[in-house]
Amino acid sequence: MLKQVVIIAGGLATRLYPLTEKIPKSMVLIKGKPFLEYQIDLCRKNGIEEIIFCGGHLWEQVQDYFGNGQGFDVKITYSVEKEKLDTGGALKNASPYLDKDFFVLYGDSYLAIDWQKVGRTYQQAQTQGLMVVYRNRGDLGLPSQVSLDNNGLITEFTKNNFKPTMQYIEYGLNVFSKKIIYQVAGKSFPISRYFDLLIKNKQLAGYESPEVFYEVGSFEGIRQITEIFSRK
């Protein structure tokens, strides 16, 4: 059972300006509570005991509110970017705190699926990484970025070179083995460099989520998330 998640949340969230000029994206209020509080609740429900929070822009506000996580029934460890490291560099920067295997979650994602089922799929695949994907039905207005083969392995991933053969979108929840962290050179780089390496080595398993993903990286995303929590 995987009990640790890395939340990558060091970006400037410029798509949400002026809202995020003075607060980090994790502290954007949804029905009176910071978005990260909803993420933490979701983490707990999925058996997570420790969160490694990769912060940058105004990260101190997160620490001031959540502290070491004790008041939220989790342990929170802070890995702070002293310079812009991008998503992959932020993950490498957090390496001293990482378990042997761990989840990776983006700081603007709300993913209501069974994380431990994802973890079991990763362990059964015996790969060094796993990407959760969502089959693109055209309902999200997003391009497909991922190809998945009949053996359950990711064979292609792109951020801009989209192909008609691609049928999936990256979901926002991934699993990594700590073994791969230092296999990518450099200090500042996107997380896609890890995906590229794993795909090249046939070490990136795929897991298709039946549930759509939600995010607070845009004003429309905030509206949708607010609507969802208003129904609960």
C-alpha atoms as a PDB file:
ATOM      1  CA  MET A   1       0.000   0.000   0.000  1.00  0.00           C
ATOM      2  CA  LEU A   2       1.412   3.382  -1.025  1.00  0.00           C
ATOM      3  CA  LYS A   3       1.167   5.920   1.778  1.00  0.00           C
ATOM      4  CA  GLN A   4       3.023   8.948   0.412  1.00  0.00           C
ATOM      5  CA  VAL A   5       2.085  11.563  -2.172  1.00  0.00           C
ATOM      6  CA  VAL A   6       4.154  14.392  -3.602  1.00  0.00           C
ATOM      7  CA  ILE A   7       2.042  17.460  -4.405  1.00  0.00           C
ATOM      8  CA  ILE A   8       3.774  19.681  -6.970  1.00  0.00           C
ATOM      9  CA  ALA A   9       2.580  23.237  -6.395  1.00  0.00           C
ATOM     10  CA  GLY A  10       5.449  25.625  -7.026  1.00  0.00           C
ATOM     11  CA  GLY A  11       4.122  27.489 -10.063  1.00  0.00           C
ATOM     12  CA  LEU A  12       3.037  31.123 -10.292  1.00  0.00           C
ATOM     13  CA  ALA A  13      -0.548  30.264 -11.409  1.00  0.00           C
ATOM     14  CA  THR A  14      -0.558  33.186 -13.850  1.00  0.00           C
ATOM     15  CA  ARG A  15      -3.802  31.975 -15.468  1.00  0.00           C
ATOM     16  CA  LEU A  16      -5.538  32.927 -12.226  1.00  0.00           C
ATOM     17  CA  TYR A  17      -4.158  36.465 -11.960  1.00  0.00           C
ATOM     18  CA  PRO A  18      -5.009  38.743 -10.221  1.00  0.00           C
ATOM     19  CA  LEU A  19      -6.384  36.142  -7.768  1.00  0.00           C
ATOM     20  CA  THR A  20      -3.002  34.450  -7.275  1.00  0.00           C
ATOM     21  CA  GLU A  21      -0.787  37.528  -7.182  1.00  0.00           C
ATOM     22  CA  LYS A  22      -0.967  37.545  -3.373  1.00  0.00           C
ATOM     23  CA  ILE A  23      -1.908  33.934  -2.568  1.00  0.00           C
ATOM     24  CA  PRO A  24      -0.608  30.606  -3.942  1.00  0.00           C
ATOM     25  CA  LYS A  25      -2.989  28.460  -5.970  1.00  0.00           C
ATOM     26  CA  SER A  26      -3.238  25.906  -3.154  1.00  0.00           C
ATOM     27  CA  MET A  27      -4.773  28.596  -0.935  1.00  0.00           C
ATOM     28  CA  VAL A  28      -7.524  29.639  -3.372  1.00  0.00           C
ATOM     29  CA  LEU A  29     -10.764  29.470  -1.410  1.00  0.00           C
ATOM     30  CA  ILE A  30     -13.502  27.043  -2.454  1.00  0.00           C
ATOM     31  CA  LYS A  31     -16.603  27.502  -0.318  1.00  0.00           C
ATOM     32  CA  GLY A  32     -14.526  29.181   2.383  1.00  0.00           C
ATOM     33  CA  LYS A  33     -11.709  26.592   2.558  1.00  0.00           C
ATOM     34  CA  PRO A  34      -8.328  26.502   0.795  1.00  0.00           C
ATOM     35  CA  PHE A  35      -8.289  24.099  -2.135  1.00  0.00           C
ATOM     36  CA  LEU A  36      -5.407  22.183  -0.548  1.00  0.00           C
ATOM     37  CA  GLU A  37      -7.688  21.287   2.361  1.00  0.00           C
ATOM     38  CA  TYR A  38      -9.943  19.399  -0.068  1.00  0.00           C
ATOM     39  CA  GLN A  39      -6.894  17.692  -1.560  1.00  0.00           C
ATOM     40  CA  ILE A  40      -5.712  16.639   1.897  1.00  0.00           C
ATOM     41  CA  ASP A  41      -9.132  15.216   2.711  1.00  0.00           C
ATOM     42  CA  LEU A  42      -9.013  13.238  -0.548  1.00  0.00           C
ATOM     43  CA  CYS A  43      -5.498  12.021   0.299  1.00  0.00           C
ATOM     44  CA  ARG A  44      -6.629  10.755   3.706  1.00  0.00           C
ATOM     45  CA  LYS A  45      -9.592   8.922   2.185  1.00  0.00           C
ATOM     46  CA  ASN A  46      -7.138   7.171  -0.120  1.00  0.00           C
ATOM     47  CA  GLY A  47      -4.867   5.906   2.651  1.00  0.00           C
ATOM     48  CA  ILE A  48      -2.207   8.606   2.379  1.00  0.00           C
ATOM     49  CA  GLU A  49      -0.304   9.294   5.597  1.00  0.00           C
ATOM     50  CA  GLU A  50       2.396  11.683   4.378  1.00  0.00           C
ATOM     51  CA  ILE A  51       2.304  14.588   1.935  1.00  0.00           C
ATOM     52  CA  ILE A  52       5.485  16.052   0.485  1.00  0.00           C
ATOM     53  CA  PHE A  53       4.431  19.558  -0.516  1.00  0.00           C
ATOM     54  CA  CYS A  54       6.654  21.035  -3.242  1.00  0.00           C
ATOM     55  CA  GLY A  55       6.138  24.752  -2.868  1.00  0.00           C
ATOM     56  CA  GLY A  56       7.578  27.882  -4.389  1.00  0.00           C
ATOM     57  CA  HIS A  57       5.475  30.997  -4.943  1.00  0.00           C
ATOM     58  CA  LEU A  58       4.217  32.247  -1.534  1.00  0.00           C
ATOM     59  CA  TRP A  59       4.605  28.748  -0.056  1.00  0.00           C
ATOM     60  CA  GLU A  60       4.888  30.193   3.476  1.00  0.00           C
ATOM     61  CA  GLN A  61       1.139  30.831   3.464  1.00  0.00           C
ATOM     62  CA  VAL A  62       0.571  27.096   3.072  1.00  0.00           C
ATOM     63  CA  GLN A  63       2.896  26.270   5.958  1.00  0.00           C
ATOM     64  CA  ASP A  64       1.309  28.955   8.165  1.00  0.00           C
ATOM     65  CA  TYR A  65      -2.147  27.438   7.619  1.00  0.00           C
ATOM     66  CA  PHE A  66      -1.426  23.694   7.543  1.00  0.00           C
ATOM     67  CA  GLY A  67       1.732  23.450   9.647  1.00  0.00           C
ATOM     68  CA  ASN A  68       3.071  19.903   9.916  1.00  0.00           C
ATOM     69  CA  GLY A  69      -0.367  18.492   9.066  1.00  0.00           C
ATOM     70  CA  GLN A  70      -1.132  17.194  12.544  1.00  0.00           C
ATOM     71  CA  GLY A  71      -4.388  19.147  12.721  1.00  0.00           C
ATOM     72  CA  PHE A  72      -5.458  17.553   9.421  1.00  0.00           C
ATOM     73  CA  ASP A  73      -4.533  13.941  10.344  1.00  0.00           C
ATOM     74  CA  VAL A  74      -1.591  13.738   7.947  1.00  0.00           C
ATOM     75  CA  LYS A  75       2.127  14.454   8.061  1.00  0.00           C
ATOM     76  CA  ILE A  76       3.193  17.338   5.814  1.00  0.00           C
ATOM     77  CA  THR A  77       6.817  17.803   4.809  1.00  0.00           C
ATOM     78  CA  TYR A  78       7.775  20.915   2.814  1.00  0.00           C
ATOM     79  CA  SER A  79      10.228  20.810  -0.081  1.00  0.00           C
ATOM     80  CA  VAL A  80      10.846  24.411  -1.123  1.00  0.00           C
ATOM     81  CA  GLU A  81      12.088  25.736  -4.466  1.00  0.00           C
ATOM     82  CA  LYS A  82      14.635  28.499  -3.946  1.00  0.00           C
ATOM     83  CA  GLU A  83      14.597  29.027  -7.719  1.00  0.00           C
ATOM     84  CA  LYS A  84      12.257  27.960 -10.513  1.00  0.00           C
ATOM     85  CA  LEU A  85      12.709  24.215 -10.990  1.00  0.00           C
ATOM     86  CA  ASP A  86       9.665  23.251 -13.087  1.00  0.00           C
ATOM     87  CA  THR A  87       7.688  20.126 -12.225  1.00  0.00           C
ATOM     88  CA  GLY A  88      10.436  17.549 -12.786  1.00  0.00           C
ATOM     89  CA  GLY A  89      13.059  19.611 -11.010  1.00  0.00           C
ATOM     90  CA  ALA A  90      10.710  20.094  -8.060  1.00  0.00           C
ATOM     91  CA  LEU A  91      10.328  16.325  -7.813  1.00  0.00           C
ATOM     92  CA  LYS A  92      14.106  15.817  -7.862  1.00  0.00           C
ATOM     93  CA  ASN A  93      14.491  18.557  -5.232  1.00  0.00           C
ATOM     94  CA  ALA A  94      12.162  16.550  -2.959  1.00  0.00           C
ATOM     95  CA  SER A  95      14.237  13.352  -3.292  1.00  0.00           C
ATOM     96  CA  PRO A  96      15.574  13.312   0.312  1.00  0.00           C
ATOM     97  CA  TYR A  97      12.017  12.832   1.579  1.00  0.00           C
ATOM     98  CA  LEU A  98      10.771  10.218  -0.875  1.00  0.00           C
ATOM     99  CA  ASP A  99       9.618   6.684  -0.106  1.00  0.00           C
ATOM    100  CA  LYS A 100      10.672   3.784  -2.312  1.00  0.00           C
ATOM    101  CA  ASP A 101       7.435   4.255  -4.336  1.00  0.00           C
ATOM    102  CA  PHE A 102       5.080   7.227  -4.162  1.00  0.00           C
ATOM    103  CA  PHE A 103       2.175   9.017  -5.813  1.00  0.00           C
ATOM    104  CA  VAL A 104       2.651  12.342  -7.600  1.00  0.00           C
ATOM    105  CA  LEU A 105      -0.238  14.813  -7.751  1.00  0.00           C
ATOM    106  CA  TYR A 106      -0.399  18.266  -9.309  1.00  0.00           C
ATOM    107  CA  GLY A 107      -1.304  21.093  -6.966  1.00  0.00           C
ATOM    108  CA  ASP A 108      -4.402  22.089  -8.924  1.00  0.00           C
ATOM    109  CA  SER A 109      -5.937  18.612  -9.404  1.00  0.00           C
ATOM    110  CA  TYR A 110      -8.920  17.009  -7.679  1.00  0.00           C
ATOM    111  CA  LEU A 111      -9.054  13.319  -8.626  1.00  0.00           C
ATOM    112  CA  ALA A 112     -11.822  11.296  -7.006  1.00  0.00           C
ATOM    113  CA  ILE A 113     -10.735   7.785  -7.973  1.00  0.00           C
ATOM    114  CA  ASP A 114      -9.454   4.812  -5.961  1.00  0.00           C
ATOM    115  CA  TRP A 115      -5.772   5.682  -5.552  1.00  0.00           C
ATOM    116  CA  GLN A 116      -4.872   2.389  -3.896  1.00  0.00           C
ATOM    117  CA  LYS A 117      -6.308   0.497  -6.878  1.00  0.00           C
ATOM    118  CA  VAL A 118      -3.941   2.594  -8.988  1.00  0.00           C
ATOM    119  CA  GLY A 119      -1.110   1.666  -6.597  1.00  0.00           C
ATOM    120  CA  ARG A 120      -1.899  -2.034  -6.853  1.00  0.00           C
ATOM    121  CA  THR A 121      -1.901  -1.812 -10.649  1.00  0.00           C
ATOM    122  CA  TYR A 122       1.547  -0.197 -10.480  1.00  0.00           C
ATOM    123  CA  GLN A 123       2.878  -2.944  -8.209  1.00  0.00           C
ATOM    124  CA  GLN A 124       1.430  -5.682 -10.407  1.00  0.00           C
ATOM    125  CA  ALA A 125       2.944  -4.118 -13.529  1.00  0.00           C
ATOM    126  CA  GLN A 126       6.424  -4.212 -11.909  1.00  0.00           C
ATOM    127  CA  THR A 127       7.430  -1.057 -13.770  1.00  0.00           C
ATOM    128  CA  GLN A 128       9.220   2.034 -12.465  1.00  0.00           C
ATOM    129  CA  GLY A 129       6.322   4.353 -13.198  1.00  0.00           C
ATOM    130  CA  LEU A 130       2.598   4.539 -13.866  1.00  0.00           C
ATOM    131  CA  MET A 131       0.486   7.253 -15.473  1.00  0.00           C
ATOM    132  CA  VAL A 132      -3.254   7.480 -14.891  1.00  0.00           C
ATOM    133  CA  VAL A 133      -5.018   8.427 -18.140  1.00  0.00           C
ATOM    134  CA  TYR A 134      -8.529   9.406 -19.178  1.00  0.00           C
ATOM    135  CA  ARG A 135     -10.008   8.314 -22.506  1.00  0.00           C
ATOM    136  CA  ASN A 136     -10.656  11.429 -24.568  1.00  0.00           C
ATOM    137  CA  ARG A 137     -14.312  11.474 -25.611  1.00  0.00           C
ATOM    138  CA  GLY A 138     -14.139  15.054 -26.872  1.00  0.00           C
ATOM    139  CA  ASP A 139     -16.216  16.320 -23.944  1.00  0.00           C
ATOM    140  CA  LEU A 140     -13.389  18.287 -22.287  1.00  0.00           C
ATOM    141  CA  GLY A 141     -12.227  20.298 -25.281  1.00  0.00           C
ATOM    142  CA  LEU A 142      -8.663  19.051 -24.789  1.00  0.00           C
ATOM    143  CA  PRO A 143      -6.336  17.299 -27.267  1.00  0.00           C
ATOM    144  CA  SER A 144      -5.271  13.695 -26.730  1.00  0.00           C
ATOM    145  CA  GLN A 145      -1.653  13.402 -25.558  1.00  0.00           C
ATOM    146  CA  VAL A 146      -1.125   9.731 -24.723  1.00  0.00           C
ATOM    147  CA  SER A 147      -1.007   6.368 -26.495  1.00  0.00           C
ATOM    148  CA  LEU A 148      -1.539   3.128 -24.568  1.00  0.00           C
ATOM    149  CA  ASP A 149      -0.741  -0.310 -26.024  1.00  0.00           C
ATOM    150  CA  ASN A 150      -2.483  -3.660 -25.545  1.00  0.00           C
ATOM    151  CA  ASN A 151       0.002  -4.643 -22.835  1.00  0.00           C
ATOM    152  CA  GLY A 152      -1.029  -1.707 -20.655  1.00  0.00           C
ATOM    153  CA  LEU A 153       2.120   0.331 -21.323  1.00  0.00           C
ATOM    154  CA  ILE A 154       2.273   3.991 -22.289  1.00  0.00           C
ATOM    155  CA  THR A 155       4.023   4.222 -25.662  1.00  0.00           C
ATOM    156  CA  GLU A 156       3.753   7.958 -26.396  1.00  0.00           C
ATOM    157  CA  PHE A 157       3.244  11.159 -24.417  1.00  0.00           C
ATOM    158  CA  THR A 158       3.388  14.719 -25.703  1.00  0.00           C
ATOM    159  CA  LYS A 159       2.556  18.252 -24.667  1.00  0.00           C
ATOM    160  CA  ASN A 160       2.433  19.672 -28.184  1.00  0.00           C
ATOM    161  CA  ASN A 161       3.050  17.052 -30.905  1.00  0.00           C
ATOM    162  CA  PHE A 162      -0.463  15.586 -30.944  1.00  0.00           C
ATOM    163  CA  LYS A 163      -1.245  12.635 -33.230  1.00  0.00           C
ATOM    164  CA  PRO A 164      -4.557  11.142 -34.439  1.00  0.00           C
ATOM    165  CA  THR A 165      -3.505   7.778 -32.936  1.00  0.00           C
ATOM    166  CA  MET A 166      -3.468   9.228 -29.415  1.00  0.00           C
ATOM    167  CA  GLN A 167      -6.694   8.535 -27.516  1.00  0.00           C
ATOM    168  CA  TYR A 168      -5.964   9.524 -23.923  1.00  0.00           C
ATOM    169  CA  ILE A 169      -5.267  12.564 -21.743  1.00  0.00           C
ATOM    170  CA  GLU A 170      -2.869  12.600 -18.801  1.00  0.00           C
ATOM    171  CA  TYR A 171      -5.112  12.490 -15.719  1.00  0.00           C
ATOM    172  CA  GLY A 172      -2.894  14.163 -13.130  1.00  0.00           C
ATOM    173  CA  LEU A 173      -2.074  11.254 -10.799  1.00  0.00           C
ATOM    174  CA  ASN A 174       1.126   9.293 -11.338  1.00  0.00           C
ATOM    175  CA  VAL A 175       3.261   6.765  -9.475  1.00  0.00           C
ATOM    176  CA  PHE A 176       7.055   6.717  -9.512  1.00  0.00           C
ATOM    177  CA  SER A 177       9.839   4.577  -8.138  1.00  0.00           C
ATOM    178  CA  LYS A 178      12.525   6.586  -6.367  1.00  0.00           C
ATOM    179  CA  LYS A 179      15.048   4.701  -8.522  1.00  0.00           C
ATOM    180  CA  ILE A 180      14.342   6.972 -11.498  1.00  0.00           C
ATOM    181  CA  ILE A 181      14.770  10.331  -9.757  1.00  0.00           C
ATOM    182  CA  TYR A 182      18.466  10.804 -10.539  1.00  0.00           C
ATOM    183  CA  GLN A 183      18.303   9.191 -13.976  1.00  0.00           C
ATOM    184  CA  VAL A 184      17.308  12.519 -15.535  1.00  0.00           C
ATOM    185  CA  ALA A 185      20.135  15.047 -15.677  1.00  0.00           C
ATOM    186  CA  GLY A 186      19.729  18.711 -14.831  1.00  0.00           C
ATOM    187  CA  LYS A 187      18.198  20.824 -12.126  1.00  0.00           C
ATOM    188  CA  SER A 188      15.205  22.524 -13.750  1.00  0.00           C
ATOM    189  CA  PHE A 189      13.081  20.472 -16.171  1.00  0.00           C
ATOM    190  CA  PRO A 190       9.460  19.347 -16.713  1.00  0.00           C
ATOM    191  CA  ILE A 191       8.107  16.084 -15.342  1.00  0.00           C
ATOM    192  CA  SER A 192       7.651  14.945 -18.952  1.00  0.00           C
ATOM    193  CA  ARG A 193      11.398  14.187 -19.005  1.00  0.00           C
ATOM    194  CA  TYR A 194      10.690  11.347 -16.559  1.00  0.00           C
ATOM    195  CA  PHE A 195       7.820  10.120 -18.707  1.00  0.00           C
ATOM    196  CA  ASP A 196      10.049  10.166 -21.808  1.00  0.00           C
ATOM    197  CA  LEU A 197      12.735   8.113 -20.048  1.00  0.00           C
ATOM    198  CA  LEU A 198      10.234   5.571 -18.721  1.00  0.00           C
ATOM    199  CA  ILE A 199       8.558   5.204 -22.124  1.00  0.00           C
ATOM    200  CA  LYS A 200      11.927   4.679 -23.801  1.00  0.00           C
ATOM    201  CA  ASN A 201      12.712   1.904 -21.311  1.00  0.00           C
ATOM    202  CA  LYS A 202       9.190   0.409 -21.526  1.00  0.00           C
ATOM    203  CA  GLN A 203       8.745   1.149 -17.829  1.00  0.00           C
ATOM    204  CA  LEU A 204       5.620   3.372 -17.810  1.00  0.00           C
ATOM    205  CA  ALA A 205       2.406   1.479 -17.113  1.00  0.00           C
ATOM    206  CA  GLY A 206      -1.002   3.007 -17.790  1.00  0.00           C
ATOM    207  CA  TYR A 207      -4.206   3.020 -15.756  1.00  0.00           C
ATOM    208  CA  GLU A 208      -7.438   4.214 -17.355  1.00  0.00           C
ATOM    209  CA  SER A 209      -9.626   6.226 -14.997  1.00  0.00           C
ATOM    210  CA  PRO A 210     -13.392   5.855 -15.366  1.00  0.00           C
ATOM    211  CA  GLU A 211     -13.862   9.241 -13.663  1.00  0.00           C
ATOM    212  CA  VAL A 212     -13.289  12.672 -15.184  1.00  0.00           C
ATOM    213  CA  PHE A 213     -10.685  14.945 -13.572  1.00  0.00           C
ATOM    214  CA  TYR A 214     -11.207  18.393 -12.084  1.00  0.00           C
ATOM    215  CA  GLU A 215      -8.764  21.259 -11.561  1.00  0.00           C
ATOM    216  CA  VAL A 216      -8.487  24.771 -10.156  1.00  0.00           C
ATOM    217  CA  GLY A 217      -5.868  25.986 -12.611  1.00  0.00           C
ATOM    218  CA  SER A 218      -8.426  28.162 -14.408  1.00  0.00           C
ATOM    219  CA  PHE A 219     -11.429  30.260 -13.441  1.00  0.00           C
ATOM    220  CA  GLU A 220     -13.713  27.792 -15.234  1.00  0.00           C
ATOM    221  CA  GLY A 221     -12.126  24.964 -13.238  1.00  0.00           C
ATOM    222  CA  ILE A 222     -12.777  26.834  -9.985  1.00  0.00           C
ATOM    223  CA  ARG A 223     -16.402  27.306 -11.007  1.00  0.00           C
ATOM    224  CA  GLN A 224     -16.824  23.574 -11.705  1.00  0.00           C
ATOM    225  CA  ILE A 225     -15.141  22.534  -8.450  1.00  0.00           C
ATOM    226  CA  THR A 226     -17.298  24.961  -6.467  1.00  0.00           C
ATOM    227  CA  GLU A 227     -20.381  23.493  -8.107  1.00  0.00           C
ATOM    228  CA  ILE A 228     -19.326  19.950  -7.186  1.00  0.00           C
ATOM    229  CA  PHE A 229     -18.705  20.765  -3.532  1.00  0.00           C
ATOM    230  CA  SER A 230     -21.951  22.717  -3.350  1.00  0.00           C
ATOM    231  CA  ARG A 231     -23.818  19.457  -4.079  1.00  0.00           C
ATOM    232  CA  LYS A 232     -22.166  17.623  -1.167  1.00  0.00           C
END
